Amino acid sequence: MRIGIVSDTHDDLAAVEAAVSLFEREGVDAVVHCGDFVAPFSVTPFDVGGDGSDRDAPGDRASDAGFDFYAVRGNNDGEWAVESTVDSFGTYLGEAGTLSFGGSGGDAESDDAESDGTVDVAVTHGTSGVVVDALVDCGDYDYVFHGHTHAHGVEERGGTVRVNPGGLPIPVDGADDAFRVAVLDADARDGSADPDAVTHYELDA
């Protein structure tokens, strides 16, 4: 199973479209957005043709693009219609959420899943570094996805891998100078969380 990870797209439609194109080329099964869309119009490109009408539960595919879509709220997502826009074709997790990918069927579930091959993920925007560190250090998750810093990175700590896909370049010390996203290839793991299963991509936007 391959999972696309993106964050901090800040209403940049060119960046969003570049990310969607990359995820389609890479054949991802799911996309997780770590927040800071800003406005609903920059959410809709992640719905490539699906209207959500046949989605009965988390993990049900509604998009013709072939990937499920999940998102959390970022600190710049001031328009609450972002939630309803995501929910029209994907799954909105609120301020933070947990997902279990793999196991039977390969799709994500928002409930705990105890089966071989399951990848447990916590997702938060990352506004609080204390929260990110707590999610990593608690040991309950294989991966913790977050954004906010606009600086891509991957770090293994105590059996959990923290993944920041990056974001749009911003004039802040430590931020990336180019837009980046990431892909987690869960099938490349040896049964445990593996930082080498994460690939970052620099995109023109």
N, C-alpha and C. Protein backbone atom coordinates (compact mmCIF):
# COMPACT_ATOMS: atom_id res chain seq x y z
N MET A 1 0.83 -1.19 0.00
CA MET A 1 0.00 0.00 0.00
C MET A 1 0.87 1.24 0.00
N ARG A 2 0.50 2.21 -0.82
CA ARG A 2 1.25 3.46 -0.94
C ARG A 2 0.37 4.62 -0.49
N ILE A 3 0.94 5.48 0.35
CA ILE A 3 0.19 6.58 0.95
C ILE A 3 0.86 7.90 0.60
N GLY A 4 0.13 8.80 -0.06
CA GLY A 4 0.63 10.13 -0.36
C GLY A 4 0.42 11.04 0.84
N ILE A 5 1.40 11.89 1.11
CA ILE A 5 1.33 12.80 2.26
C ILE A 5 1.64 14.20 1.77
N VAL A 6 0.78 15.16 2.13
CA VAL A 6 0.93 16.53 1.66
C VAL A 6 0.47 17.46 2.77
N SER A 7 0.98 18.68 2.78
CA SER A 7 0.58 19.64 3.80
C SER A 7 0.83 21.05 3.31
N ASP A 8 0.18 22.00 3.97
CA ASP A 8 0.50 23.42 3.81
C ASP A 8 0.49 23.87 2.34
N THR A 9 -0.63 23.61 1.68
CA THR A 9 -0.75 24.00 0.27
C THR A 9 -1.30 25.42 0.11
N HIS A 10 -1.89 26.00 1.14
CA HIS A 10 -2.19 27.43 1.24
C HIS A 10 -2.80 28.04 -0.04
N ASP A 11 -3.86 27.42 -0.52
CA ASP A 11 -4.61 27.98 -1.65
C ASP A 11 -3.82 28.06 -2.96
N ASP A 12 -2.69 27.40 -3.04
CA ASP A 12 -1.89 27.42 -4.27
C ASP A 12 -2.37 26.28 -5.17
N LEU A 13 -3.24 26.61 -6.12
CA LEU A 13 -3.82 25.58 -6.97
C LEU A 13 -2.79 24.86 -7.83
N ALA A 14 -1.75 25.57 -8.25
CA ALA A 14 -0.71 24.92 -9.05
C ALA A 14 -0.01 23.85 -8.21
N ALA A 15 0.24 24.15 -6.94
CA ALA A 15 0.88 23.17 -6.06
C ALA A 15 -0.04 21.98 -5.81
N VAL A 16 -1.31 22.26 -5.56
CA VAL A 16 -2.27 21.18 -5.33
C VAL A 16 -2.35 20.27 -6.55
N GLU A 17 -2.46 20.86 -7.72
CA GLU A 17 -2.58 20.06 -8.94
C GLU A 17 -1.31 19.26 -9.21
N ALA A 18 -0.15 19.84 -8.89
CA ALA A 18 1.11 19.11 -9.05
C ALA A 18 1.17 17.92 -8.09
N ALA A 19 0.67 18.12 -6.88
CA ALA A 19 0.65 17.03 -5.90
C ALA A 19 -0.28 15.91 -6.35
N VAL A 20 -1.49 16.28 -6.79
CA VAL A 20 -2.45 15.28 -7.26
C VAL A 20 -1.87 14.49 -8.43
N SER A 21 -1.24 15.18 -9.36
CA SER A 21 -0.64 14.50 -10.52
C SER A 21 0.44 13.52 -10.10
N LEU A 22 1.29 13.94 -9.16
CA LEU A 22 2.35 13.06 -8.66
C LEU A 22 1.76 11.83 -7.98
N PHE A 23 0.75 12.04 -7.15
CA PHE A 23 0.14 10.91 -6.45
C PHE A 23 -0.52 9.94 -7.43
N GLU A 24 -1.13 10.46 -8.48
CA GLU A 24 -1.72 9.58 -9.49
C GLU A 24 -0.64 8.79 -10.22
N ARG A 25 0.46 9.47 -10.58
CA ARG A 25 1.56 8.77 -11.27
C ARG A 25 2.17 7.69 -10.39
N GLU A 26 2.26 7.97 -9.09
CA GLU A 26 2.87 7.02 -8.16
C GLU A 26 1.90 5.90 -7.76
N GLY A 27 0.65 6.02 -8.17
CA GLY A 27 -0.33 4.98 -7.89
C GLY A 27 -0.65 4.81 -6.41
N VAL A 28 -0.75 5.93 -5.69
CA VAL A 28 -1.04 5.82 -4.26
C VAL A 28 -2.46 5.33 -4.03
N ASP A 29 -2.65 4.66 -2.92
CA ASP A 29 -3.96 4.14 -2.54
C ASP A 29 -4.74 5.13 -1.69
N ALA A 30 -4.01 6.01 -1.00
CA ALA A 30 -4.64 7.01 -0.13
C ALA A 30 -3.77 8.25 -0.10
N VAL A 31 -4.40 9.38 0.17
CA VAL A 31 -3.69 10.65 0.36
C VAL A 31 -4.12 11.23 1.70
N VAL A 32 -3.14 11.68 2.47
CA VAL A 32 -3.40 12.33 3.75
C VAL A 32 -2.88 13.76 3.66
N HIS A 33 -3.78 14.72 3.89
CA HIS A 33 -3.38 16.14 3.91
C HIS A 33 -3.29 16.57 5.37
N CYS A 34 -2.14 17.11 5.76
CA CYS A 34 -1.88 17.46 7.15
C CYS A 34 -2.30 18.88 7.51
N GLY A 35 -3.17 19.48 6.70
CA GLY A 35 -3.76 20.76 7.06
C GLY A 35 -3.15 21.97 6.41
N ASP A 36 -3.87 23.07 6.53
CA ASP A 36 -3.57 24.34 5.89
C ASP A 36 -3.83 24.31 4.39
N PHE A 37 -5.07 23.93 4.05
CA PHE A 37 -5.59 24.19 2.71
C PHE A 37 -5.81 25.70 2.58
N VAL A 38 -6.43 26.28 3.59
CA VAL A 38 -6.89 27.65 3.79
C VAL A 38 -8.35 27.79 3.36
N ALA A 39 -8.67 27.63 2.08
CA ALA A 39 -10.04 27.82 1.63
C ALA A 39 -10.56 26.57 0.91
N PRO A 40 -11.88 26.38 0.88
CA PRO A 40 -12.44 25.16 0.28
C PRO A 40 -12.09 24.96 -1.19
N PHE A 41 -11.89 26.06 -1.96
CA PHE A 41 -11.63 25.87 -3.39
C PHE A 41 -10.32 25.11 -3.63
N SER A 42 -9.40 25.15 -2.66
CA SER A 42 -8.14 24.42 -2.86
C SER A 42 -8.19 23.01 -2.30
N VAL A 43 -9.36 22.62 -1.79
CA VAL A 43 -9.58 21.23 -1.39
C VAL A 43 -10.07 20.40 -2.58
N THR A 44 -10.94 20.99 -3.39
CA THR A 44 -11.65 20.23 -4.42
C THR A 44 -10.77 19.55 -5.45
N PRO A 45 -9.58 20.05 -5.81
CA PRO A 45 -8.78 19.31 -6.79
C PRO A 45 -8.37 17.90 -6.33
N PHE A 46 -8.42 17.64 -5.02
CA PHE A 46 -8.11 16.29 -4.55
C PHE A 46 -9.24 15.31 -4.85
N ASP A 47 -10.39 15.82 -5.21
CA ASP A 47 -11.52 14.99 -5.63
C ASP A 47 -11.53 14.97 -7.15
N VAL A 48 -10.85 14.00 -7.71
CA VAL A 48 -10.72 13.95 -9.17
C VAL A 48 -11.89 13.15 -9.73
N GLY A 49 -13.06 13.81 -9.76
CA GLY A 49 -14.23 13.20 -10.39
C GLY A 49 -15.21 12.58 -9.44
N GLY A 50 -14.85 12.31 -8.19
CA GLY A 50 -15.78 11.66 -7.26
C GLY A 50 -16.67 12.68 -6.58
N ASP A 51 -17.90 12.27 -6.25
CA ASP A 51 -18.80 13.19 -5.55
C ASP A 51 -19.13 12.73 -4.15
N GLY A 52 -18.54 11.59 -3.74
CA GLY A 52 -18.76 11.11 -2.38
C GLY A 52 -20.08 10.42 -2.15
N SER A 53 -20.93 10.32 -3.19
CA SER A 53 -22.27 9.78 -2.97
C SER A 53 -22.27 8.29 -2.66
N ASP A 54 -21.20 7.57 -3.06
CA ASP A 54 -21.17 6.14 -2.80
C ASP A 54 -20.24 5.78 -1.66
N ARG A 55 -19.83 6.78 -0.86
CA ARG A 55 -18.93 6.51 0.25
C ARG A 55 -19.76 6.25 1.50
N ASP A 56 -19.74 5.00 1.99
CA ASP A 56 -20.54 4.63 3.16
C ASP A 56 -19.74 4.74 4.45
N ALA A 57 -18.43 4.57 4.39
CA ALA A 57 -17.62 4.56 5.60
C ALA A 57 -16.19 4.93 5.24
N PRO A 58 -15.38 5.33 6.23
CA PRO A 58 -13.97 5.62 5.94
C PRO A 58 -13.32 4.44 5.24
N GLY A 59 -12.59 4.74 4.18
CA GLY A 59 -11.95 3.68 3.41
C GLY A 59 -12.67 3.35 2.12
N ASP A 60 -13.94 3.74 2.00
CA ASP A 60 -14.66 3.51 0.75
C ASP A 60 -14.19 4.52 -0.29
N ARG A 61 -13.76 4.05 -1.44
CA ARG A 61 -13.27 4.96 -2.46
C ARG A 61 -14.42 5.67 -3.14
N ALA A 62 -14.31 7.00 -3.24
CA ALA A 62 -15.33 7.77 -3.95
C ALA A 62 -14.73 8.51 -5.13
N SER A 63 -13.41 8.63 -5.18
CA SER A 63 -12.79 9.44 -6.21
C SER A 63 -12.34 8.59 -7.38
N ASP A 64 -12.60 9.07 -8.59
CA ASP A 64 -12.14 8.37 -9.78
C ASP A 64 -10.63 8.33 -9.88
N ALA A 65 -9.94 9.16 -9.10
CA ALA A 65 -8.48 9.16 -9.14
C ALA A 65 -7.92 7.88 -8.56
N GLY A 66 -8.73 7.13 -7.82
CA GLY A 66 -8.26 5.86 -7.31
C GLY A 66 -7.63 5.94 -5.94
N PHE A 67 -7.70 7.09 -5.26
CA PHE A 67 -7.19 7.13 -3.89
C PHE A 67 -8.23 7.67 -2.93
N ASP A 68 -8.18 7.14 -1.71
CA ASP A 68 -9.00 7.66 -0.63
C ASP A 68 -8.34 8.94 -0.12
N PHE A 69 -9.13 9.82 0.50
CA PHE A 69 -8.60 11.11 0.92
C PHE A 69 -8.97 11.39 2.38
N TYR A 70 -7.97 11.81 3.14
CA TYR A 70 -8.12 12.12 4.57
C TYR A 70 -7.44 13.46 4.85
N ALA A 71 -7.98 14.22 5.80
CA ALA A 71 -7.37 15.52 6.10
C ALA A 71 -7.63 15.91 7.54
N VAL A 72 -6.70 16.70 8.09
CA VAL A 72 -6.89 17.34 9.39
C VAL A 72 -6.92 18.85 9.19
N ARG A 73 -7.35 19.52 10.24
CA ARG A 73 -7.46 20.99 10.21
C ARG A 73 -6.10 21.61 10.52
N GLY A 74 -5.72 22.62 9.74
CA GLY A 74 -4.51 23.39 10.01
C GLY A 74 -4.84 24.70 10.69
N ASN A 75 -3.84 25.37 11.20
CA ASN A 75 -4.08 26.63 11.93
C ASN A 75 -4.51 27.77 11.01
N ASN A 76 -4.34 27.62 9.69
CA ASN A 76 -4.79 28.64 8.75
C ASN A 76 -6.08 28.25 8.02
N ASP A 77 -6.69 27.15 8.43
CA ASP A 77 -7.94 26.72 7.81
C ASP A 77 -9.11 27.43 8.50
N GLY A 78 -9.21 28.74 8.25
CA GLY A 78 -10.19 29.56 8.94
C GLY A 78 -11.60 29.39 8.46
N GLU A 79 -11.79 28.89 7.25
CA GLU A 79 -13.13 28.70 6.72
C GLU A 79 -13.62 27.31 7.11
N TRP A 80 -14.64 27.25 7.95
CA TRP A 80 -15.12 25.96 8.42
C TRP A 80 -15.72 25.12 7.30
N ALA A 81 -16.00 25.73 6.15
CA ALA A 81 -16.50 24.95 5.01
C ALA A 81 -15.45 24.00 4.47
N VAL A 82 -14.19 24.15 4.88
CA VAL A 82 -13.17 23.16 4.50
C VAL A 82 -13.61 21.77 4.96
N GLU A 83 -14.17 21.68 6.16
CA GLU A 83 -14.61 20.39 6.69
C GLU A 83 -15.66 19.75 5.79
N SER A 84 -16.72 20.48 5.46
CA SER A 84 -17.78 19.91 4.64
C SER A 84 -17.30 19.60 3.23
N THR A 85 -16.36 20.39 2.72
CA THR A 85 -15.81 20.13 1.39
C THR A 85 -15.03 18.82 1.37
N VAL A 86 -14.17 18.62 2.38
CA VAL A 86 -13.44 17.35 2.47
C VAL A 86 -14.43 16.19 2.62
N ASP A 87 -15.40 16.35 3.52
CA ASP A 87 -16.34 15.26 3.78
C ASP A 87 -17.23 14.93 2.59
N SER A 88 -17.33 15.83 1.61
CA SER A 88 -18.15 15.54 0.44
C SER A 88 -17.55 14.43 -0.43
N PHE A 89 -16.25 14.17 -0.24
CA PHE A 89 -15.63 13.09 -1.03
C PHE A 89 -14.57 12.31 -0.26
N GLY A 90 -14.21 12.76 0.93
CA GLY A 90 -13.18 12.10 1.71
C GLY A 90 -13.58 12.03 3.17
N THR A 91 -12.57 12.00 4.05
CA THR A 91 -12.81 11.89 5.48
C THR A 91 -12.05 12.99 6.20
N TYR A 92 -12.79 13.83 6.92
CA TYR A 92 -12.19 14.91 7.69
C TYR A 92 -11.99 14.43 9.12
N LEU A 93 -10.78 14.56 9.63
CA LEU A 93 -10.43 14.01 10.94
C LEU A 93 -10.43 15.04 12.05
N GLY A 94 -10.74 16.30 11.74
CA GLY A 94 -10.74 17.33 12.76
C GLY A 94 -9.33 17.81 13.07
N GLU A 95 -9.10 18.18 14.33
CA GLU A 95 -7.79 18.71 14.73
C GLU A 95 -6.69 17.67 14.62
N ALA A 96 -7.03 16.41 14.83
CA ALA A 96 -6.07 15.30 14.74
C ALA A 96 -6.87 14.02 14.59
N GLY A 97 -6.22 12.97 14.14
CA GLY A 97 -6.92 11.72 13.98
C GLY A 97 -5.96 10.56 13.85
N THR A 98 -6.51 9.36 13.88
CA THR A 98 -5.72 8.16 13.70
C THR A 98 -6.32 7.34 12.56
N LEU A 99 -5.47 6.67 11.84
CA LEU A 99 -5.87 5.83 10.72
C LEU A 99 -5.11 4.52 10.80
N SER A 100 -5.73 3.45 10.35
CA SER A 100 -5.07 2.16 10.23
C SER A 100 -5.16 1.72 8.78
N PHE A 101 -4.02 1.62 8.13
CA PHE A 101 -3.97 1.22 6.73
C PHE A 101 -3.52 -0.23 6.64
N GLY A 102 -4.04 -0.92 5.61
CA GLY A 102 -3.60 -2.28 5.38
C GLY A 102 -4.53 -3.27 6.02
N GLY A 103 -3.99 -4.44 6.34
CA GLY A 103 -4.85 -5.50 6.87
C GLY A 103 -5.79 -5.96 5.78
N SER A 104 -6.98 -6.37 6.16
CA SER A 104 -7.93 -6.88 5.18
C SER A 104 -8.47 -5.74 4.34
N GLY A 105 -8.38 -5.87 3.05
CA GLY A 105 -8.94 -4.89 2.13
C GLY A 105 -8.00 -3.78 1.75
N GLY A 106 -7.00 -3.49 2.58
CA GLY A 106 -6.01 -2.50 2.22
C GLY A 106 -6.41 -1.07 2.45
N ASP A 107 -7.68 -0.80 2.78
CA ASP A 107 -8.12 0.57 2.99
C ASP A 107 -7.89 0.98 4.43
N ALA A 108 -8.11 2.26 4.69
CA ALA A 108 -7.92 2.77 6.05
C ALA A 108 -9.22 2.69 6.83
N GLU A 109 -9.07 2.49 8.12
CA GLU A 109 -10.19 2.55 9.02
C GLU A 109 -9.84 3.50 10.14
N SER A 110 -10.82 4.19 10.69
CA SER A 110 -10.55 5.10 11.78
C SER A 110 -10.61 4.39 13.13
N ASP A 111 -10.95 3.10 13.13
CA ASP A 111 -10.94 2.30 14.35
C ASP A 111 -9.59 1.62 14.50
N ASP A 112 -9.32 1.10 15.72
CA ASP A 112 -8.10 0.34 15.93
C ASP A 112 -8.18 -0.94 15.11
N ALA A 113 -7.05 -1.30 14.48
CA ALA A 113 -7.02 -2.53 13.69
C ALA A 113 -5.84 -3.36 14.13
N GLU A 114 -6.12 -4.61 14.49
CA GLU A 114 -5.07 -5.50 14.97
C GLU A 114 -4.95 -6.64 13.98
N SER A 115 -4.23 -6.45 12.91
CA SER A 115 -4.02 -7.52 11.94
C SER A 115 -2.65 -7.35 11.32
N ASP A 116 -2.11 -8.45 10.85
CA ASP A 116 -0.78 -8.42 10.26
C ASP A 116 -0.75 -7.46 9.08
N GLY A 117 0.30 -6.70 9.00
CA GLY A 117 0.47 -5.77 7.90
C GLY A 117 -0.20 -4.43 8.10
N THR A 118 -0.90 -4.26 9.21
CA THR A 118 -1.57 -2.99 9.46
C THR A 118 -0.55 -1.91 9.82
N VAL A 119 -0.74 -0.72 9.24
CA VAL A 119 0.10 0.43 9.53
C VAL A 119 -0.75 1.44 10.29
N ASP A 120 -0.39 1.71 11.54
CA ASP A 120 -1.13 2.65 12.37
C ASP A 120 -0.48 4.03 12.28
N VAL A 121 -1.31 5.03 11.95
CA VAL A 121 -0.82 6.38 11.70
C VAL A 121 -1.60 7.38 12.55
N ALA A 122 -0.88 8.32 13.15
CA ALA A 122 -1.51 9.48 13.78
C ALA A 122 -1.25 10.68 12.88
N VAL A 123 -2.24 11.55 12.76
CA VAL A 123 -2.12 12.73 11.89
C VAL A 123 -2.51 13.97 12.68
N THR A 124 -1.69 14.99 12.62
CA THR A 124 -1.99 16.28 13.21
C THR A 124 -1.33 17.34 12.35
N HIS A 125 -1.79 18.58 12.48
CA HIS A 125 -1.15 19.60 11.66
C HIS A 125 0.28 19.87 12.09
N GLY A 126 0.50 19.90 13.39
CA GLY A 126 1.85 20.13 13.89
C GLY A 126 2.06 21.50 14.50
N THR A 127 0.96 22.24 14.72
CA THR A 127 1.07 23.56 15.32
C THR A 127 1.78 23.49 16.67
N SER A 128 1.52 22.44 17.42
CA SER A 128 2.19 22.22 18.70
C SER A 128 3.24 21.13 18.56
N GLY A 129 4.50 21.50 18.71
CA GLY A 129 5.56 20.51 18.69
C GLY A 129 5.46 19.54 19.86
N VAL A 130 4.89 20.00 20.97
CA VAL A 130 4.70 19.13 22.13
C VAL A 130 3.76 17.98 21.78
N VAL A 131 2.68 18.29 21.06
CA VAL A 131 1.73 17.26 20.65
C VAL A 131 2.39 16.29 19.68
N VAL A 132 3.13 16.80 18.71
CA VAL A 132 3.82 15.92 17.76
C VAL A 132 4.76 14.99 18.51
N ASP A 133 5.58 15.54 19.41
CA ASP A 133 6.52 14.70 20.16
C ASP A 133 5.79 13.66 21.01
N ALA A 134 4.67 14.04 21.60
CA ALA A 134 3.92 13.09 22.42
C ALA A 134 3.37 11.95 21.59
N LEU A 135 2.88 12.26 20.38
CA LEU A 135 2.37 11.21 19.50
C LEU A 135 3.49 10.27 19.07
N VAL A 136 4.67 10.82 18.80
CA VAL A 136 5.81 9.99 18.41
C VAL A 136 6.27 9.13 19.59
N ASP A 137 6.40 9.74 20.74
CA ASP A 137 7.03 9.07 21.89
C ASP A 137 6.10 8.11 22.63
N CYS A 138 4.78 8.19 22.39
CA CYS A 138 3.87 7.31 23.12
C CYS A 138 4.00 5.85 22.70
N GLY A 139 4.51 5.61 21.48
CA GLY A 139 4.72 4.24 21.03
C GLY A 139 3.49 3.54 20.48
N ASP A 140 2.39 4.26 20.33
CA ASP A 140 1.15 3.64 19.84
C ASP A 140 1.06 3.57 18.32
N TYR A 141 1.91 4.30 17.62
CA TYR A 141 1.77 4.46 16.17
C TYR A 141 3.05 4.06 15.45
N ASP A 142 2.86 3.54 14.23
CA ASP A 142 4.02 3.26 13.37
C ASP A 142 4.56 4.56 12.80
N TYR A 143 3.65 5.45 12.40
CA TYR A 143 4.03 6.71 11.76
C TYR A 143 3.20 7.85 12.35
N VAL A 144 3.81 9.02 12.44
CA VAL A 144 3.11 10.25 12.79
C VAL A 144 3.33 11.22 11.64
N PHE A 145 2.24 11.65 11.00
CA PHE A 145 2.30 12.61 9.90
C PHE A 145 1.95 13.99 10.43
N HIS A 146 2.72 15.00 10.03
CA HIS A 146 2.39 16.38 10.40
C HIS A 146 3.04 17.33 9.41
N GLY A 147 2.61 18.58 9.45
CA GLY A 147 3.19 19.63 8.61
C GLY A 147 3.53 20.83 9.46
N HIS A 148 3.04 21.99 9.07
CA HIS A 148 3.11 23.28 9.76
C HIS A 148 4.44 24.01 9.59
N THR A 149 5.57 23.30 9.67
CA THR A 149 6.87 23.97 9.61
C THR A 149 7.33 24.28 8.20
N HIS A 150 6.67 23.70 7.19
CA HIS A 150 7.08 23.86 5.79
C HIS A 150 8.51 23.34 5.57
N ALA A 151 8.93 22.39 6.40
CA ALA A 151 10.27 21.80 6.29
C ALA A 151 10.12 20.29 6.25
N HIS A 152 10.49 19.68 5.12
CA HIS A 152 10.32 18.23 5.00
C HIS A 152 11.31 17.51 5.92
N GLY A 153 10.90 16.34 6.35
CA GLY A 153 11.79 15.56 7.20
C GLY A 153 11.21 14.21 7.52
N VAL A 154 12.08 13.30 7.93
CA VAL A 154 11.68 11.98 8.40
C VAL A 154 12.65 11.59 9.50
N GLU A 155 12.10 11.05 10.58
CA GLU A 155 12.91 10.73 11.75
C GLU A 155 12.32 9.52 12.44
N GLU A 156 13.16 8.53 12.75
CA GLU A 156 12.71 7.37 13.53
C GLU A 156 13.12 7.56 14.98
N ARG A 157 12.15 7.32 15.87
CA ARG A 157 12.42 7.46 17.30
C ARG A 157 11.62 6.43 18.06
N GLY A 158 12.31 5.52 18.70
CA GLY A 158 11.64 4.52 19.53
C GLY A 158 10.66 3.64 18.78
N GLY A 159 10.92 3.36 17.52
CA GLY A 159 10.06 2.49 16.74
C GLY A 159 8.94 3.21 16.00
N THR A 160 8.85 4.54 16.16
CA THR A 160 7.86 5.34 15.43
C THR A 160 8.59 6.29 14.49
N VAL A 161 8.05 6.46 13.30
CA VAL A 161 8.66 7.34 12.31
C VAL A 161 7.79 8.59 12.15
N ARG A 162 8.41 9.73 12.38
CA ARG A 162 7.76 11.04 12.18
C ARG A 162 8.01 11.48 10.75
N VAL A 163 6.94 11.88 10.04
CA VAL A 163 7.05 12.30 8.64
C VAL A 163 6.44 13.68 8.47
N ASN A 164 7.24 14.61 7.99
CA ASN A 164 6.75 15.92 7.56
C ASN A 164 6.98 15.98 6.06
N PRO A 165 5.90 16.08 5.26
CA PRO A 165 6.09 16.09 3.81
C PRO A 165 6.73 17.37 3.29
N GLY A 166 6.69 18.44 4.11
CA GLY A 166 7.10 19.76 3.64
C GLY A 166 5.87 20.57 3.29
N GLY A 167 6.06 21.63 2.58
CA GLY A 167 4.95 22.49 2.18
C GLY A 167 5.46 23.52 1.19
N LEU A 168 4.66 24.52 0.96
CA LEU A 168 5.11 25.60 0.07
C LEU A 168 6.29 26.33 0.70
N PRO A 169 7.21 26.83 -0.11
CA PRO A 169 8.32 27.61 0.45
C PRO A 169 7.81 28.92 1.05
N ILE A 170 8.31 29.24 2.24
CA ILE A 170 7.96 30.50 2.91
C ILE A 170 9.23 31.12 3.46
N PRO A 171 9.25 32.45 3.63
CA PRO A 171 10.47 33.13 4.10
C PRO A 171 10.65 33.03 5.61
N VAL A 172 10.85 31.78 6.08
CA VAL A 172 11.05 31.52 7.51
C VAL A 172 12.28 30.63 7.64
N ASP A 173 13.13 30.92 8.61
CA ASP A 173 14.33 30.11 8.82
C ASP A 173 13.95 28.64 8.99
N GLY A 174 14.64 27.78 8.25
CA GLY A 174 14.42 26.35 8.33
C GLY A 174 13.40 25.81 7.37
N ALA A 175 12.61 26.67 6.75
CA ALA A 175 11.60 26.20 5.80
C ALA A 175 12.25 25.80 4.49
N ASP A 176 11.58 24.91 3.77
CA ASP A 176 12.09 24.46 2.46
C ASP A 176 12.07 25.60 1.45
N ASP A 177 12.93 25.48 0.46
CA ASP A 177 12.97 26.48 -0.62
C ASP A 177 12.22 26.00 -1.86
N ALA A 178 11.50 24.87 -1.73
CA ALA A 178 10.70 24.34 -2.84
C ALA A 178 9.54 23.55 -2.25
N PHE A 179 8.47 23.39 -3.02
CA PHE A 179 7.31 22.62 -2.58
C PHE A 179 7.63 21.14 -2.64
N ARG A 180 7.32 20.44 -1.55
CA ARG A 180 7.57 19.01 -1.48
C ARG A 180 6.35 18.26 -0.94
N VAL A 181 6.25 17.00 -1.35
CA VAL A 181 5.28 16.06 -0.81
C VAL A 181 6.04 14.77 -0.53
N ALA A 182 5.35 13.80 0.06
CA ALA A 182 6.01 12.53 0.37
C ALA A 182 5.09 11.37 0.02
N VAL A 183 5.70 10.21 -0.17
CA VAL A 183 4.97 8.96 -0.37
C VAL A 183 5.56 7.91 0.56
N LEU A 184 4.68 7.27 1.32
CA LEU A 184 5.07 6.14 2.16
C LEU A 184 4.69 4.86 1.44
N ASP A 185 5.69 4.02 1.19
CA ASP A 185 5.46 2.70 0.59
C ASP A 185 5.41 1.69 1.73
N ALA A 186 4.21 1.44 2.24
CA ALA A 186 4.06 0.55 3.39
C ALA A 186 4.49 -0.87 3.08
N ASP A 187 4.44 -1.27 1.81
CA ASP A 187 4.83 -2.62 1.44
C ASP A 187 6.34 -2.80 1.47
N ALA A 188 7.09 -1.69 1.51
CA ALA A 188 8.55 -1.79 1.53
C ALA A 188 9.10 -2.02 2.94
N ARG A 189 8.21 -1.98 3.93
CA ARG A 189 8.66 -2.18 5.31
C ARG A 189 8.96 -3.65 5.56
N ASP A 190 9.77 -3.90 6.59
CA ASP A 190 10.07 -5.28 6.98
C ASP A 190 9.19 -5.72 8.15
N GLY A 191 8.03 -5.08 8.31
CA GLY A 191 7.14 -5.40 9.41
C GLY A 191 7.16 -4.36 10.51
N SER A 192 8.10 -3.44 10.45
CA SER A 192 8.16 -2.36 11.44
C SER A 192 8.22 -1.03 10.71
N ALA A 193 8.01 0.05 11.44
CA ALA A 193 8.08 1.38 10.84
C ALA A 193 9.49 1.61 10.30
N ASP A 194 9.59 2.12 9.09
CA ASP A 194 10.88 2.23 8.42
C ASP A 194 11.00 3.60 7.76
N PRO A 195 11.96 4.43 8.20
CA PRO A 195 12.11 5.73 7.56
C PRO A 195 12.49 5.63 6.09
N ASP A 196 13.13 4.52 5.69
CA ASP A 196 13.53 4.36 4.29
C ASP A 196 12.34 4.07 3.38
N ALA A 197 11.17 3.79 3.97
CA ALA A 197 9.97 3.56 3.16
C ALA A 197 9.31 4.87 2.73
N VAL A 198 9.87 6.02 3.19
CA VAL A 198 9.32 7.33 2.88
C VAL A 198 10.21 8.01 1.84
N THR A 199 9.59 8.48 0.75
CA THR A 199 10.30 9.23 -0.29
C THR A 199 9.70 10.61 -0.42
N HIS A 200 10.55 11.63 -0.38
CA HIS A 200 10.10 13.00 -0.61
C HIS A 200 10.30 13.37 -2.08
N TYR A 201 9.38 14.17 -2.61
CA TYR A 201 9.44 14.62 -4.00
C TYR A 201 9.37 16.13 -4.02
N GLU A 202 10.28 16.75 -4.77
CA GLU A 202 10.23 18.19 -4.99
C GLU A 202 9.43 18.44 -6.26
N LEU A 203 8.44 19.33 -6.17
CA LEU A 203 7.55 19.59 -7.28
C LEU A 203 7.64 21.04 -7.74
N ASP A 204 7.49 21.24 -9.03
CA ASP A 204 7.39 22.59 -9.57
C ASP A 204 5.96 23.09 -9.36
N ALA A 205 5.84 24.23 -8.75
CA ALA A 205 4.50 24.76 -8.50
C ALA A 205 4.52 26.27 -8.60
